[in-house]
């Protein structure tokens, strides 16, 4: 079965309309909305201990995510777990609680576990002072072994960073940066309450390259208030001029009933479906013409970037941070609301700072919900991740891994996929399933067919829309 390379194809408005539905992004399966409170801190502790006691625990790669929830100002589009404050003393206290969580985690997991991937997200990780960032990295190095050549990344708000801070980050071992840009248009920036001129970002990126960071990612969002296909085309041209190594292009999900900051966005200012489709099509055309490889769904990378290399070699994976070059590995989530994965379990920490701190004050891991995956979950996760990352499922590989007959186990799903095949979105044959070039636009919809929970639950408004 040959793997189709995703290229820009003409997608009919009818097809876009047919699949303009809400659906998960599949950074995990089952998705985080399926986590249950019956999964406790004790269950998480047991999963950590089981990893420690495994025969090759120290050899297994490990990823660590640290959530820093603080931001100095509110971006109206934001759906992240954050705390808006100008009181930097709050981060001093937060670091003390992070230290407690790390100690409780390593008491179960063991110290010196090898970490090949570290990501600081938020909020705004650069809310922390240089001294606090040094303290945090020292805490992590005391408890984990950061492997040479690992991926160590941090999310950057260009408004909170200068060349001196970038040098500090490099000195601390960070080798990858992610710039939150969203849009360069001044009117759009004003509408979402995030003013950061192109010149400011351009200067910072030049300084980051001079310092020698391995990879720079840029986040963009289409579908924001006051955006038009014409204004976003200007942003795209500016992005191509800056030439980040990776680009993450997200569709804005307007869910004001769930995310309070979004209530400040004027709904009438939001672009319609046709305009959003035009922005997506223009983005694909612009980035592909500029030499970027299409990684899948919402990610692009320059051909020599590790992400593009992993895609070509079939080594792409997906975790809670999106597409990744790292092996399919356990993830330790630290901080308020952080999500982790250990063995066949998922866990999530308390979502409010008060509850997070209260658990730690009582000497307990701050996990408040999660999920222990059963065999069906694991088999379906393997299928969904193969679709999302490789764009294909080889029946034999799933059958050997999970001791099942694919065609009989997934009879209903394969029947459902026949419609996708008729529409030219997938190719079905005796050996497996392959997503076509056109199908990459709708890979989330293809994956949704195998989501047992979603198929049983038609109330999907809690998810962002696919287009």
Protein backbone atom coordinates (compact mmCIF):
# COMPACT_ATOMS: atom_id res chain seq x y z
CA UNK A 1 0.00 0.00 0.00
CA UNK A 2 1.64 3.25 -1.10
CA UNK A 3 1.34 6.28 1.11
CA UNK A 4 -0.20 9.26 -0.66
CA UNK A 5 1.55 12.59 -0.23
CA UNK A 6 -0.94 15.25 0.80
CA UNK A 7 -1.09 18.03 -1.76
CA UNK A 8 -3.53 20.83 -2.24
CA UNK A 9 -6.54 19.57 -4.13
CA UNK A 10 -9.75 21.26 -5.06
CA UNK A 11 -12.23 20.50 -2.31
CA UNK A 12 -15.84 21.10 -3.25
CA UNK A 13 -17.99 23.33 -1.04
CA UNK A 14 -20.45 20.45 -0.82
CA UNK A 15 -17.78 18.18 0.65
CA UNK A 16 -16.66 20.84 3.09
CA UNK A 17 -20.25 21.39 4.14
CA UNK A 18 -20.76 17.65 4.57
CA UNK A 19 -17.86 17.36 7.03
CA UNK A 20 -18.04 20.75 8.77
CA UNK A 21 -18.89 19.04 12.05
CA UNK A 22 -17.51 19.13 15.59
CA UNK A 23 -14.92 16.49 16.46
CA UNK A 24 -11.91 15.72 18.64
CA UNK A 25 -8.32 16.62 17.75
CA UNK A 26 -7.19 13.18 18.97
CA UNK A 27 -4.18 14.22 21.00
CA UNK A 28 -5.28 11.10 22.88
CA UNK A 29 -7.78 8.29 22.59
CA UNK A 30 -10.04 8.02 24.46
CA UNK A 31 -10.28 11.82 24.54
CA UNK A 32 -9.92 13.81 27.77
CA UNK A 33 -13.68 14.43 28.02
CA UNK A 34 -14.01 10.69 28.73
CA UNK A 35 -11.85 10.84 31.85
CA UNK A 36 -13.69 9.90 35.06
CA UNK A 37 -13.34 10.97 38.68
CA UNK A 38 -13.38 7.31 39.71
CA UNK A 39 -9.74 7.27 38.53
CA UNK A 40 -7.90 8.63 41.57
CA UNK A 41 -4.48 9.84 42.67
CA UNK A 42 -3.94 6.35 44.10
CA UNK A 43 -4.58 4.80 40.67
CA UNK A 44 -2.07 7.19 39.15
CA UNK A 45 0.47 6.37 41.85
CA UNK A 46 0.02 2.68 41.12
CA UNK A 47 0.63 3.26 37.39
CA UNK A 48 3.82 5.19 38.21
CA UNK A 49 5.02 2.39 40.49
CA UNK A 50 4.30 -0.22 37.82
CA UNK A 51 6.47 1.70 35.36
CA UNK A 52 9.29 1.84 37.92
CA UNK A 53 9.08 -1.89 38.53
CA UNK A 54 9.09 -2.76 34.82
CA UNK A 55 12.11 -4.75 33.56
CA UNK A 56 13.37 -1.94 31.32
CA UNK A 57 11.95 1.11 33.10
CA UNK A 58 15.11 3.23 32.92
CA UNK A 59 15.53 2.46 29.22
CA UNK A 60 11.99 3.49 28.28
CA UNK A 61 11.81 7.09 27.00
CA UNK A 62 9.82 9.58 29.03
CA UNK A 63 8.25 12.92 28.16
CA UNK A 64 7.56 15.65 30.74
CA UNK A 65 5.08 18.52 30.41
CA UNK A 66 5.01 21.41 32.92
CA UNK A 67 2.01 23.74 32.95
CA UNK A 68 2.68 27.36 33.96
CA UNK A 69 -0.81 28.91 34.22
CA UNK A 70 0.01 32.62 34.62
CA UNK A 71 -0.49 35.37 32.02
CA UNK A 72 -0.12 39.12 32.46
CA UNK A 73 -3.00 39.92 30.10
CA UNK A 74 -6.02 38.12 28.68
CA UNK A 75 -6.20 36.99 25.04
CA UNK A 76 -9.91 36.80 24.23
CA UNK A 77 -9.66 33.70 21.99
CA UNK A 78 -7.88 31.62 24.63
CA UNK A 79 -9.28 28.25 25.74
CA UNK A 80 -6.25 27.30 27.87
CA UNK A 81 -6.23 26.92 31.63
CA UNK A 82 -4.70 30.20 32.78
CA UNK A 83 -4.65 32.76 35.59
CA UNK A 84 -4.48 36.44 34.65
CA UNK A 85 -2.31 38.37 37.10
CA UNK A 86 0.42 40.99 37.22
CA UNK A 87 1.52 39.78 40.66
CA UNK A 88 4.67 37.83 39.91
CA UNK A 89 4.91 36.72 43.53
CA UNK A 90 2.28 34.10 42.71
CA UNK A 91 4.75 32.16 40.58
CA UNK A 92 7.18 31.91 43.52
CA UNK A 93 4.54 30.06 45.54
CA UNK A 94 3.58 27.94 42.51
CA UNK A 95 7.15 26.68 42.11
CA UNK A 96 7.09 25.42 45.70
CA UNK A 97 3.99 23.36 44.91
CA UNK A 98 5.54 22.08 41.68
CA UNK A 99 8.52 20.89 43.75
CA UNK A 100 6.13 18.97 46.02
CA UNK A 101 4.40 17.38 43.05
CA UNK A 102 7.73 16.34 41.53
CA UNK A 103 8.80 14.79 44.85
CA UNK A 104 5.52 12.87 45.20
CA UNK A 105 5.78 11.71 41.59
CA UNK A 106 9.36 10.48 41.82
CA UNK A 107 8.60 8.77 45.15
CA UNK A 108 6.42 6.41 43.10
CA UNK A 109 8.22 6.59 39.75
CA UNK A 110 11.80 6.58 41.00
CA UNK A 111 14.42 9.23 40.30
CA UNK A 112 16.81 9.45 37.34
CA UNK A 113 14.25 8.32 34.76
CA UNK A 114 15.55 9.38 31.34
CA UNK A 115 13.60 12.25 29.76
CA UNK A 116 13.92 12.72 25.99
CA UNK A 117 11.26 15.42 25.64
CA UNK A 118 10.38 18.35 27.90
CA UNK A 119 7.78 20.99 27.13
CA UNK A 120 6.83 24.07 29.17
CA UNK A 121 3.37 25.32 28.26
CA UNK A 122 0.65 27.53 29.68
CA UNK A 123 -0.48 30.17 30.24
CA UNK A 124 2.79 31.90 29.60
CA UNK A 125 5.88 30.00 30.76
CA UNK A 126 7.95 33.16 30.23
CA UNK A 127 5.85 34.76 33.00
CA UNK A 128 8.51 33.18 35.24
CA UNK A 129 11.61 35.29 35.91
CA UNK A 130 15.02 34.09 34.75
CA UNK A 131 15.80 33.06 38.34
CA UNK A 132 12.52 31.09 38.58
CA UNK A 133 13.19 29.34 35.27
CA UNK A 134 16.63 28.36 36.57
CA UNK A 135 15.05 27.07 39.77
CA UNK A 136 12.46 25.03 37.85
CA UNK A 137 15.07 23.47 35.55
CA UNK A 138 17.29 22.65 38.53
CA UNK A 139 14.32 20.90 40.20
CA UNK A 140 13.69 18.85 37.07
CA UNK A 141 17.37 17.93 36.62
CA UNK A 142 17.56 16.75 40.24
CA UNK A 143 14.64 14.39 39.72
CA UNK A 144 15.04 13.29 36.08
CA UNK A 145 17.93 12.61 33.71
CA UNK A 146 17.58 14.94 30.72
CA UNK A 147 19.02 12.98 27.80
CA UNK A 148 21.62 14.65 25.55
CA UNK A 149 20.05 15.46 22.20
CA UNK A 150 16.49 15.48 23.60
CA UNK A 151 13.78 17.93 22.57
CA UNK A 152 13.45 20.68 25.18
CA UNK A 153 10.84 23.25 24.19
CA UNK A 154 9.11 26.25 25.70
CA UNK A 155 6.15 28.38 24.57
CA UNK A 156 7.06 32.02 24.04
CA UNK A 157 4.88 35.12 24.26
CA UNK A 158 6.92 37.56 22.16
CA UNK A 159 5.66 40.40 24.34
CA UNK A 160 7.46 38.96 27.39
CA UNK A 161 10.85 38.06 25.88
CA UNK A 162 13.97 39.86 24.67
CA UNK A 163 17.35 38.69 23.37
CA UNK A 164 18.75 38.41 26.90
CA UNK A 165 15.91 36.09 27.95
CA UNK A 166 16.39 33.97 24.83
CA UNK A 167 20.06 33.49 25.75
CA UNK A 168 19.01 32.45 29.26
CA UNK A 169 16.64 29.86 27.81
CA UNK A 170 19.42 28.46 25.62
CA UNK A 171 21.78 28.34 28.62
CA UNK A 172 19.12 26.38 30.54
CA UNK A 173 19.07 23.72 27.83
CA UNK A 174 16.01 24.71 25.79
CA UNK A 175 16.62 23.99 22.11
CA UNK A 176 13.16 24.60 20.65
CA UNK A 177 10.87 27.62 20.85
CA UNK A 178 7.19 28.01 20.05
CA UNK A 179 6.09 31.57 19.26
CA UNK A 180 2.43 32.42 19.84
CA UNK A 181 1.58 34.73 16.93
CA UNK A 182 -2.01 33.89 15.79
CA UNK A 183 -2.23 36.82 13.31
CA UNK A 184 -0.15 39.85 12.35
CA UNK A 185 -3.06 42.07 11.29
CA UNK A 186 -3.34 45.05 13.71
CA UNK A 187 -7.16 45.06 13.60
CA UNK A 188 -7.35 41.34 14.41
CA UNK A 189 -4.79 41.74 17.20
CA UNK A 190 -6.87 44.55 18.67
CA UNK A 191 -10.06 42.43 18.47
CA UNK A 192 -8.44 39.56 20.42
CA UNK A 193 -6.54 41.82 22.86
CA UNK A 194 -3.04 40.72 21.84
CA UNK A 195 -0.94 43.48 20.30
CA UNK A 196 2.46 42.31 19.02
CA UNK A 197 3.80 44.00 15.88
CA UNK A 198 5.40 41.98 13.10
CA UNK A 199 8.68 43.86 13.60
CA UNK A 200 8.86 42.69 17.23
CA UNK A 201 8.41 39.02 16.32
CA UNK A 202 10.78 39.32 13.35
CA UNK A 203 13.56 40.75 15.54
CA UNK A 204 13.10 38.04 18.17
CA UNK A 205 13.19 35.24 15.60
CA UNK A 206 16.40 36.65 14.11
CA UNK A 207 17.94 36.74 17.58
CA UNK A 208 16.78 33.18 18.33
CA UNK A 209 18.40 31.94 15.12
CA UNK A 210 21.62 33.76 15.95
CA UNK A 211 21.66 32.08 19.37
CA UNK A 212 21.26 28.71 17.66
CA UNK A 213 17.92 27.15 18.66
CA UNK A 214 17.34 23.91 16.74
CA UNK A 215 13.75 24.65 15.75
CA UNK A 216 11.29 27.54 15.96
CA UNK A 217 7.55 26.88 15.77
CA UNK A 218 4.92 29.50 15.07
CA UNK A 219 1.27 29.17 16.09
CA UNK A 220 -1.39 30.71 13.84
CA UNK A 221 -5.18 30.77 14.16
CA UNK A 222 -7.70 31.30 11.37
CA UNK A 223 -11.34 32.20 12.03
CA UNK A 224 -10.57 35.03 14.48
CA UNK A 225 -12.72 38.19 14.68
CA UNK A 226 -12.16 40.74 11.88
CA UNK A 227 -10.10 38.27 9.87
CA UNK A 228 -10.77 38.13 6.14
CA UNK A 229 -9.18 35.89 3.51
CA UNK A 230 -7.36 38.99 2.24
CA UNK A 231 -6.02 40.05 5.65
CA UNK A 232 -4.95 36.49 6.51
CA UNK A 233 -3.17 36.19 3.16
CA UNK A 234 -1.01 39.16 4.23
CA UNK A 235 -0.23 37.39 7.53
CA UNK A 236 0.68 34.21 5.63
CA UNK A 237 3.09 36.18 3.42
CA UNK A 238 4.75 37.63 6.52
CA UNK A 239 5.03 34.18 8.10
CA UNK A 240 6.69 32.78 4.98
CA UNK A 241 9.09 35.74 5.07
CA UNK A 242 10.12 34.78 8.64
CA UNK A 243 10.35 31.09 7.64
CA UNK A 244 9.77 29.32 10.97
CA UNK A 245 10.89 25.67 11.00
CA UNK A 246 7.40 24.52 11.99
CA UNK A 247 3.93 26.02 11.70
CA UNK A 248 0.86 25.01 13.67
CA UNK A 249 -2.31 26.34 12.01
CA UNK A 250 -5.43 26.05 14.15
CA UNK A 251 -9.07 26.80 13.44
CA UNK A 252 -10.54 29.08 16.08
CA UNK A 253 -13.25 27.30 18.07
CA UNK A 254 -15.77 29.83 19.36
CA UNK A 255 -17.24 28.22 22.49
CA UNK A 256 -18.16 31.18 24.74
CA UNK A 257 -20.45 29.02 26.87
CA UNK A 258 -17.37 27.00 27.90
CA UNK A 259 -14.60 29.59 27.82
CA UNK A 260 -15.47 32.85 29.55
CA UNK A 261 -12.81 35.05 27.83
CA UNK A 262 -14.42 34.33 24.46
CA UNK A 263 -17.55 36.20 25.58
CA UNK A 264 -15.60 39.40 24.92
CA UNK A 265 -15.44 38.53 21.23
CA UNK A 266 -18.19 40.06 19.12
CA UNK A 267 -19.81 37.14 17.28
CA UNK A 268 -20.74 39.38 14.35
CA UNK A 269 -17.01 40.02 13.78
CA UNK A 270 -16.28 36.32 13.21
CA UNK A 271 -15.71 35.21 9.58
CA UNK A 272 -18.25 32.80 8.11
CA UNK A 273 -17.67 29.22 7.03
CA UNK A 274 -16.83 30.09 3.40
CA UNK A 275 -14.25 32.66 4.52
CA UNK A 276 -12.66 30.15 6.91
CA UNK A 277 -12.44 27.55 4.15
CA UNK A 278 -10.82 30.15 1.89
CA UNK A 279 -8.25 30.93 4.63
CA UNK A 280 -7.47 27.24 5.08
CA UNK A 281 -7.08 26.67 1.34
CA UNK A 282 -4.89 29.75 0.97
CA UNK A 283 -2.75 28.62 3.93
CA UNK A 284 -2.16 25.20 2.39
CA UNK A 285 -1.33 26.70 -1.00
CA UNK A 286 1.02 29.31 0.50
CA UNK A 287 2.95 26.96 2.77
CA UNK A 288 3.30 24.19 0.18
CA UNK A 289 4.47 26.71 -2.42
CA UNK A 290 7.03 27.99 0.10
CA UNK A 291 8.48 24.49 0.44
CA UNK A 292 6.88 23.33 3.67
CA UNK A 293 5.94 19.68 4.09
CA UNK A 294 2.35 19.04 5.16
CA UNK A 295 2.64 16.95 8.31
CA UNK A 296 -1.07 16.43 8.83
CA UNK A 297 -4.23 18.16 10.04
CA UNK A 298 -2.75 21.46 11.28
CA UNK A 299 1.05 21.09 11.16
CA UNK A 300 3.66 22.06 8.56
CA UNK A 301 7.45 21.81 8.70
CA UNK A 302 10.45 22.61 6.54
CA UNK A 303 11.77 19.44 4.81
CA UNK A 304 14.91 19.23 6.97
CA UNK A 305 13.06 19.73 10.27
CA UNK A 306 12.91 16.67 12.53
CA UNK A 307 9.10 16.61 12.27
CA UNK A 308 9.16 16.40 8.46
CA UNK A 309 11.91 13.76 8.60
CA UNK A 310 9.83 11.70 11.07
CA UNK A 311 6.79 11.96 8.75
CA UNK A 312 8.82 10.73 5.76
CA UNK A 313 10.25 7.84 7.76
CA UNK A 314 6.91 6.81 9.28
CA UNK A 315 8.06 7.68 12.83
CA UNK A 316 5.49 10.39 13.53
CA UNK A 317 3.54 10.24 16.79
CA UNK A 318 0.87 12.31 18.45
CA UNK A 319 0.57 13.32 22.11
CA UNK A 320 -1.14 16.02 24.18
CA UNK A 321 1.12 18.67 22.61
CA UNK A 322 0.20 17.61 19.06
CA UNK A 323 2.44 15.92 16.49
CA UNK A 324 5.77 14.71 17.86
CA UNK A 325 8.97 13.04 16.67
CA UNK A 326 9.32 11.20 19.97
CA UNK A 327 8.54 7.49 20.33
CA UNK A 328 5.10 6.55 21.63
CA UNK A 329 6.06 7.07 25.28
CA UNK A 330 4.76 7.84 28.76
CA UNK A 331 4.13 11.49 29.60
CA UNK A 332 4.41 12.98 33.09
CA UNK A 333 2.13 16.02 33.40
CA UNK A 334 3.10 18.49 36.14
CA UNK A 335 1.18 21.54 37.32
CA UNK A 336 -2.42 22.66 37.53
CA UNK A 337 -4.71 20.94 34.94
CA UNK A 338 -1.77 19.01 33.39
CA UNK A 339 -2.61 15.73 31.64
CA UNK A 340 -0.31 12.71 31.72
CA UNK A 341 -0.12 9.21 30.36
CA UNK A 342 1.49 6.28 32.17
CA UNK A 343 1.24 2.79 30.73
CA UNK A 344 -2.39 2.12 29.83
CA UNK A 345 -3.71 5.03 31.92
CA UNK A 346 -4.39 8.74 31.50
CA UNK A 347 -4.51 11.20 34.40
CA UNK A 348 -5.36 14.86 34.87
CA UNK A 349 -4.50 17.21 37.71
CA UNK A 350 -6.96 19.53 39.45
CA UNK A 351 -8.01 22.39 37.16
CA UNK A 352 -8.09 25.16 39.78
CA UNK A 353 -5.03 26.42 41.61
CA UNK A 354 -6.74 26.19 45.01
CA UNK A 355 -7.68 22.54 44.54
CA UNK A 356 -4.26 21.70 43.10
CA UNK A 357 -2.50 23.24 46.11
CA UNK A 358 -4.95 21.68 48.57
CA UNK A 359 -4.12 18.15 47.37
CA UNK A 360 -0.40 18.82 47.69
CA UNK A 361 -0.84 20.41 51.13
CA UNK A 362 -2.36 17.09 52.18
CA UNK A 363 0.59 15.16 50.76
CA UNK A 364 -1.39 13.72 47.83
CA UNK A 365 -0.73 13.73 44.13
CA UNK A 366 -3.10 16.37 42.63
CA UNK A 367 -4.74 13.94 40.17
CA UNK A 368 -8.55 14.29 40.25
CA UNK A 369 -9.61 12.25 37.22
CA UNK A 370 -8.32 9.94 34.53
CA UNK A 371 -8.91 6.65 32.79
CA UNK A 372 -7.57 3.10 32.77
CA UNK A 373 -7.75 1.91 29.15
CA UNK A 374 -9.21 -1.48 28.30
CA UNK A 375 -8.14 -3.70 25.39
CA UNK A 376 -10.72 -2.18 23.04
CA UNK A 377 -9.50 1.35 23.90
CA UNK A 378 -5.90 0.35 23.18
CA UNK A 379 -6.71 -1.30 19.84
CA UNK A 380 -8.80 1.68 18.71
CA UNK A 381 -6.09 4.09 19.88
CA UNK A 382 -3.61 2.25 17.66
CA UNK A 383 -5.94 2.57 14.65
CA UNK A 384 -6.76 6.26 15.26
CA UNK A 385 -3.11 7.23 15.80
CA UNK A 386 -2.06 5.34 12.65
CA UNK A 387 -4.64 7.35 10.68
CA UNK A 388 -3.68 10.68 12.28
CA UNK A 389 0.09 10.17 11.97
CA UNK A 390 0.78 7.88 9.02
CA UNK A 391 -2.45 8.36 7.11
CA UNK A 392 -2.86 4.62 6.79
CA UNK A 393 -3.75 1.49 8.74
CA UNK A 394 -2.22 -1.86 7.83
CA UNK A 395 -4.69 -4.53 8.97
CA UNK A 396 -2.00 -7.11 9.62
CA UNK A 397 -0.04 -4.91 12.03
CA UNK A 398 -3.15 -4.24 14.16
CA UNK A 399 -4.13 -7.90 14.04
CA UNK A 400 -0.71 -9.06 15.24
CA UNK A 401 -0.47 -6.45 17.98
CA UNK A 402 -3.98 -6.98 19.39
CA UNK A 403 -4.75 -10.58 18.38
CA UNK A 404 -7.94 -9.73 16.51
CA UNK A 405 -9.35 -10.12 13.02
CA UNK A 406 -9.59 -6.55 11.76
CA UNK A 407 -12.44 -7.06 9.28
CA UNK A 408 -14.69 -8.84 11.76
CA UNK A 409 -13.77 -6.66 14.78
CA UNK A 410 -14.34 -3.42 12.85
CA UNK A 411 -17.13 -4.57 10.50
CA UNK A 412 -19.40 -1.60 11.25
CA UNK A 413 -16.55 0.90 10.94
CA UNK A 414 -15.40 -0.45 7.58
CA UNK A 415 -18.96 -0.25 6.32
CA UNK A 416 -19.12 3.37 7.44
CA UNK A 417 -15.84 4.09 5.64
CA UNK A 418 -17.32 3.00 2.32
CA UNK A 419 -18.98 6.41 2.05
CA UNK A 420 -15.57 8.05 2.60
CA UNK A 421 -14.13 5.81 -0.12
CA UNK A 422 -16.91 6.78 -2.55
CA UNK A 423 -16.12 10.45 -1.85
CA UNK A 424 -12.43 9.87 -2.60
CA UNK A 425 -11.25 10.50 0.97
CA UNK A 426 -9.88 7.02 1.69
CA UNK A 427 -8.81 3.97 -0.27
CA UNK A 428 -9.91 0.59 1.11
CA UNK A 429 -8.36 -2.66 -0.04
CA UNK A 430 -7.55 -6.11 1.33
CA UNK A 431 -4.45 -4.90 3.17
CA UNK A 432 -5.73 -1.78 4.87
CA UNK A 433 -6.99 1.81 4.81
CA UNK A 434 -5.21 4.77 3.26
CA UNK A 435 -6.15 8.44 3.56
CA UNK A 436 -5.99 10.18 0.17
CA UNK A 437 -4.48 13.59 -0.50
CA UNK A 438 -7.97 15.10 -0.37
CA UNK A 439 -8.82 13.01 2.68
CA UNK A 440 -6.11 14.74 4.74
CA UNK A 441 -8.43 17.74 4.95
CA UNK A 442 -10.86 15.47 6.82
CA UNK A 443 -8.57 13.06 8.66
CA UNK A 444 -10.31 13.86 11.96
CA UNK A 445 -13.62 12.74 10.44
CA UNK A 446 -12.01 9.50 9.26
CA UNK A 447 -10.59 8.86 12.74
CA UNK A 448 -13.97 9.59 14.34
CA UNK A 449 -15.40 6.49 12.66
CA UNK A 450 -13.28 4.35 15.02
CA UNK A 451 -14.14 6.35 18.17
CA UNK A 452 -16.50 4.03 20.02
CA UNK A 453 -17.45 6.69 22.58
CA UNK A 454 -18.21 9.33 19.98
CA UNK A 455 -20.28 7.00 17.84
CA UNK A 456 -22.48 6.37 20.89
CA UNK A 457 -22.68 10.08 21.77
CA UNK A 458 -24.14 12.44 19.22
CA UNK A 459 -23.75 15.49 21.49
CA UNK A 460 -20.53 16.73 19.95
CA UNK A 461 -20.81 20.49 20.42
CA UNK A 462 -18.10 20.34 23.11
CA UNK A 463 -15.48 19.82 20.39
CA UNK A 464 -14.06 22.30 17.89
CA UNK A 465 -15.24 22.07 14.29
CA UNK A 466 -13.13 20.12 11.82
CA UNK A 467 -12.98 22.95 9.26
